[in-house]
């Protein structure tokens, strides 16, 4: 089984309150590598939250939260790794061991404080099985 880097773009325009919700066009089954934030015309002070919806369990989860995302940037979200009893694993008792977040469902981008009728996007780069 080989993994290949793929991308999914989430783009939208805010409503009169400066809010926006964009759902990915399809479910992703893979590992998130990075999120490229493209501010576009959003106002300064814009906030964005990236979640995964429509999971097999029905429980959504957050993969990244941005506050005052005023410039284009690439983010590399990572999640903590756990032992077989659920304890956080560390290298030396202080430095956490992190790994790529699992994407099992539809990505969602929620924007707040983006300004009236402003447009921006994010590109999710993820590793998926090649079939």
C-alpha atoms as a PDB file:
ATOM      1  CA  UNK A   1       0.000   0.000   0.000  1.00  0.00           C
ATOM      2  CA  UNK A   2       1.429   3.363  -0.988  1.00  0.00           C
ATOM      3  CA  UNK A   3       0.366   6.779   0.215  1.00  0.00           C
ATOM      4  CA  UNK A   4       0.113   9.773  -2.112  1.00  0.00           C
ATOM      5  CA  UNK A   5      -0.193  13.460  -1.287  1.00  0.00           C
ATOM      6  CA  UNK A   6      -3.547  14.889  -2.327  1.00  0.00           C
ATOM      7  CA  UNK A   7      -5.289  18.191  -1.765  1.00  0.00           C
ATOM      8  CA  UNK A   8      -8.768  19.528  -1.094  1.00  0.00           C
ATOM      9  CA  UNK A   9      -9.604  23.220  -1.374  1.00  0.00           C
ATOM     10  CA  UNK A  10     -12.240  24.828   0.853  1.00  0.00           C
ATOM     11  CA  UNK A  11     -13.296  28.230  -0.503  1.00  0.00           C
ATOM     12  CA  UNK A  12     -16.208  30.484   0.315  1.00  0.00           C
ATOM     13  CA  UNK A  13     -17.631  33.956   0.810  1.00  0.00           C
ATOM     14  CA  UNK A  14     -18.822  35.271   4.162  1.00  0.00           C
ATOM     15  CA  UNK A  15     -22.359  36.406   4.890  1.00  0.00           C
ATOM     16  CA  UNK A  16     -23.348  39.843   6.192  1.00  0.00           C
ATOM     17  CA  UNK A  17     -22.223  38.855   9.705  1.00  0.00           C
ATOM     18  CA  UNK A  18     -18.732  37.902   8.519  1.00  0.00           C
ATOM     19  CA  UNK A  19     -19.389  34.183   9.007  1.00  0.00           C
ATOM     20  CA  UNK A  20     -18.849  31.265   6.646  1.00  0.00           C
ATOM     21  CA  UNK A  21     -19.127  27.477   6.748  1.00  0.00           C
ATOM     22  CA  UNK A  22     -17.649  25.368   3.956  1.00  0.00           C
ATOM     23  CA  UNK A  23     -17.843  21.579   3.829  1.00  0.00           C
ATOM     24  CA  UNK A  24     -15.467  19.444   1.788  1.00  0.00           C
ATOM     25  CA  UNK A  25     -16.990  17.914  -1.321  1.00  0.00           C
ATOM     26  CA  UNK A  26     -16.149  14.359  -0.210  1.00  0.00           C
ATOM     27  CA  UNK A  27     -15.038  12.353   2.792  1.00  0.00           C
ATOM     28  CA  UNK A  28     -11.300  11.911   3.277  1.00  0.00           C
ATOM     29  CA  UNK A  29      -9.734   8.750   4.616  1.00  0.00           C
ATOM     30  CA  UNK A  30      -6.101   9.564   5.276  1.00  0.00           C
ATOM     31  CA  UNK A  31      -3.567  11.531   7.306  1.00  0.00           C
ATOM     32  CA  UNK A  32      -3.449  15.336   7.340  1.00  0.00           C
ATOM     33  CA  UNK A  33      -0.030  16.716   6.421  1.00  0.00           C
ATOM     34  CA  UNK A  34      -0.637  20.494   6.247  1.00  0.00           C
ATOM     35  CA  UNK A  35      -3.237  23.234   5.846  1.00  0.00           C
ATOM     36  CA  UNK A  36      -2.440  26.215   3.643  1.00  0.00           C
ATOM     37  CA  UNK A  37      -4.398  29.285   4.773  1.00  0.00           C
ATOM     38  CA  UNK A  38      -5.170  31.717   1.927  1.00  0.00           C
ATOM     39  CA  UNK A  39      -6.551  34.863   3.576  1.00  0.00           C
ATOM     40  CA  UNK A  40      -7.919  36.318   0.353  1.00  0.00           C
ATOM     41  CA  UNK A  41     -10.086  39.359   1.068  1.00  0.00           C
ATOM     42  CA  UNK A  42     -11.069  38.418   4.642  1.00  0.00           C
ATOM     43  CA  UNK A  43     -10.818  41.298   7.117  1.00  0.00           C
ATOM     44  CA  UNK A  44      -7.963  41.361   9.630  1.00  0.00           C
ATOM     45  CA  UNK A  45      -8.989  39.630  12.844  1.00  0.00           C
ATOM     46  CA  UNK A  46     -10.485  36.664  10.967  1.00  0.00           C
ATOM     47  CA  UNK A  47     -10.741  33.387  12.875  1.00  0.00           C
ATOM     48  CA  UNK A  48     -11.026  29.907  11.365  1.00  0.00           C
ATOM     49  CA  UNK A  49     -11.724  26.465  12.764  1.00  0.00           C
ATOM     50  CA  UNK A  50     -11.110  23.256  10.850  1.00  0.00           C
ATOM     51  CA  UNK A  51     -13.034  20.164  11.870  1.00  0.00           C
ATOM     52  CA  UNK A  52     -13.891  16.726  10.529  1.00  0.00           C
ATOM     53  CA  UNK A  53     -17.617  15.984  10.220  1.00  0.00           C
ATOM     54  CA  UNK A  54     -19.622  12.901   9.174  1.00  0.00           C
ATOM     55  CA  UNK A  55     -17.196  10.527  10.871  1.00  0.00           C
ATOM     56  CA  UNK A  56     -18.042   6.807  11.163  1.00  0.00           C
ATOM     57  CA  UNK A  57     -18.796   7.319  14.879  1.00  0.00           C
ATOM     58  CA  UNK A  58     -20.853  10.455  14.239  1.00  0.00           C
ATOM     59  CA  UNK A  59     -18.561  12.460  16.548  1.00  0.00           C
ATOM     60  CA  UNK A  60     -16.946  15.512  14.929  1.00  0.00           C
ATOM     61  CA  UNK A  61     -13.473  16.616  16.003  1.00  0.00           C
ATOM     62  CA  UNK A  62     -11.265  19.700  15.647  1.00  0.00           C
ATOM     63  CA  UNK A  63      -7.954  19.552  13.777  1.00  0.00           C
ATOM     64  CA  UNK A  64      -6.881  23.230  13.849  1.00  0.00           C
ATOM     65  CA  UNK A  65      -8.091  26.556  15.251  1.00  0.00           C
ATOM     66  CA  UNK A  66      -6.684  29.864  13.961  1.00  0.00           C
ATOM     67  CA  UNK A  67      -7.128  33.197  15.747  1.00  0.00           C
ATOM     68  CA  UNK A  68      -6.469  36.507  13.959  1.00  0.00           C
ATOM     69  CA  UNK A  69      -5.217  34.673  10.854  1.00  0.00           C
ATOM     70  CA  UNK A  70      -4.237  37.909   9.097  1.00  0.00           C
ATOM     71  CA  UNK A  71      -1.710  36.539   6.597  1.00  0.00           C
ATOM     72  CA  UNK A  72      -1.283  33.617   4.229  1.00  0.00           C
ATOM     73  CA  UNK A  73       0.483  30.745   5.978  1.00  0.00           C
ATOM     74  CA  UNK A  74       1.027  26.998   6.012  1.00  0.00           C
ATOM     75  CA  UNK A  75       0.225  25.117   9.223  1.00  0.00           C
ATOM     76  CA  UNK A  76       1.330  21.608  10.170  1.00  0.00           C
ATOM     77  CA  UNK A  77      -1.179  20.373  12.803  1.00  0.00           C
ATOM     78  CA  UNK A  78      -0.079  17.412  14.898  1.00  0.00           C
ATOM     79  CA  UNK A  79      -1.850  15.347  17.571  1.00  0.00           C
ATOM     80  CA  UNK A  80      -0.447  13.675  20.676  1.00  0.00           C
ATOM     81  CA  UNK A  81       0.363   9.961  20.622  1.00  0.00           C
ATOM     82  CA  UNK A  82      -0.865   7.742  23.478  1.00  0.00           C
ATOM     83  CA  UNK A  83       0.226   4.529  25.167  1.00  0.00           C
ATOM     84  CA  UNK A  84      -1.946   1.416  25.280  1.00  0.00           C
ATOM     85  CA  UNK A  85      -3.455   2.706  28.562  1.00  0.00           C
ATOM     86  CA  UNK A  86      -4.275   6.148  27.141  1.00  0.00           C
ATOM     87  CA  UNK A  87      -1.407   8.099  28.723  1.00  0.00           C
ATOM     88  CA  UNK A  88       0.318  10.771  26.620  1.00  0.00           C
ATOM     89  CA  UNK A  89       3.662   9.515  25.314  1.00  0.00           C
ATOM     90  CA  UNK A  90       6.767  11.680  25.660  1.00  0.00           C
ATOM     91  CA  UNK A  91      10.391  11.380  24.637  1.00  0.00           C
ATOM     92  CA  UNK A  92      11.758  12.159  28.092  1.00  0.00           C
ATOM     93  CA  UNK A  93       8.797  12.906  30.352  1.00  0.00           C
ATOM     94  CA  UNK A  94       8.448  16.473  29.065  1.00  0.00           C
ATOM     95  CA  UNK A  95       8.582  16.543  25.253  1.00  0.00           C
ATOM     96  CA  UNK A  96       5.350  15.226  23.726  1.00  0.00           C
ATOM     97  CA  UNK A  97       5.385  12.745  20.866  1.00  0.00           C
ATOM     98  CA  UNK A  98       3.073  13.934  18.097  1.00  0.00           C
ATOM     99  CA  UNK A  99       1.930  12.456  14.798  1.00  0.00           C
ATOM    100  CA  UNK A 100      -0.175  13.325  11.744  1.00  0.00           C
ATOM    101  CA  UNK A 101      -3.896  13.749  12.544  1.00  0.00           C
ATOM    102  CA  UNK A 102      -6.284  11.144  11.193  1.00  0.00           C
ATOM    103  CA  UNK A 103      -8.897  12.368   8.709  1.00  0.00           C
ATOM    104  CA  UNK A 104     -11.904  10.066   8.610  1.00  0.00           C
ATOM    105  CA  UNK A 105     -14.857  12.080   7.322  1.00  0.00           C
ATOM    106  CA  UNK A 106     -15.675  15.389   5.644  1.00  0.00           C
ATOM    107  CA  UNK A 107     -13.463  18.400   6.374  1.00  0.00           C
ATOM    108  CA  UNK A 108     -15.203  21.633   7.380  1.00  0.00           C
ATOM    109  CA  UNK A 109     -13.909  25.210   7.586  1.00  0.00           C
ATOM    110  CA  UNK A 110     -15.820  27.669   9.755  1.00  0.00           C
ATOM    111  CA  UNK A 111     -14.831  31.341   9.546  1.00  0.00           C
ATOM    112  CA  UNK A 112     -15.831  34.098  11.957  1.00  0.00           C
ATOM    113  CA  UNK A 113     -15.132  37.841  11.836  1.00  0.00           C
ATOM    114  CA  UNK A 114     -14.191  37.639   8.153  1.00  0.00           C
ATOM    115  CA  UNK A 115     -16.040  40.797   7.110  1.00  0.00           C
ATOM    116  CA  UNK A 116     -19.131  41.251   4.943  1.00  0.00           C
ATOM    117  CA  UNK A 117     -19.019  39.403   1.578  1.00  0.00           C
ATOM    118  CA  UNK A 118     -15.293  38.582   1.820  1.00  0.00           C
ATOM    119  CA  UNK A 119     -13.692  35.517   0.233  1.00  0.00           C
ATOM    120  CA  UNK A 120     -10.842  33.269   1.321  1.00  0.00           C
ATOM    121  CA  UNK A 121      -9.828  29.652   1.346  1.00  0.00           C
ATOM    122  CA  UNK A 122      -7.729  26.867   2.760  1.00  0.00           C
ATOM    123  CA  UNK A 123      -6.080  23.946   1.035  1.00  0.00           C
ATOM    124  CA  UNK A 124      -5.799  20.697   2.980  1.00  0.00           C
ATOM    125  CA  UNK A 125      -2.844  18.520   1.977  1.00  0.00           C
ATOM    126  CA  UNK A 126      -3.281  14.929   3.067  1.00  0.00           C
ATOM    127  CA  UNK A 127      -1.823  11.481   2.534  1.00  0.00           C
ATOM    128  CA  UNK A 128      -4.290   8.959   1.155  1.00  0.00           C
ATOM    129  CA  UNK A 129      -4.026   5.344   0.073  1.00  0.00           C
ATOM    130  CA  UNK A 130      -3.484   4.881  -3.640  1.00  0.00           C
ATOM    131  CA  UNK A 131      -5.964   2.361  -5.038  1.00  0.00           C
END
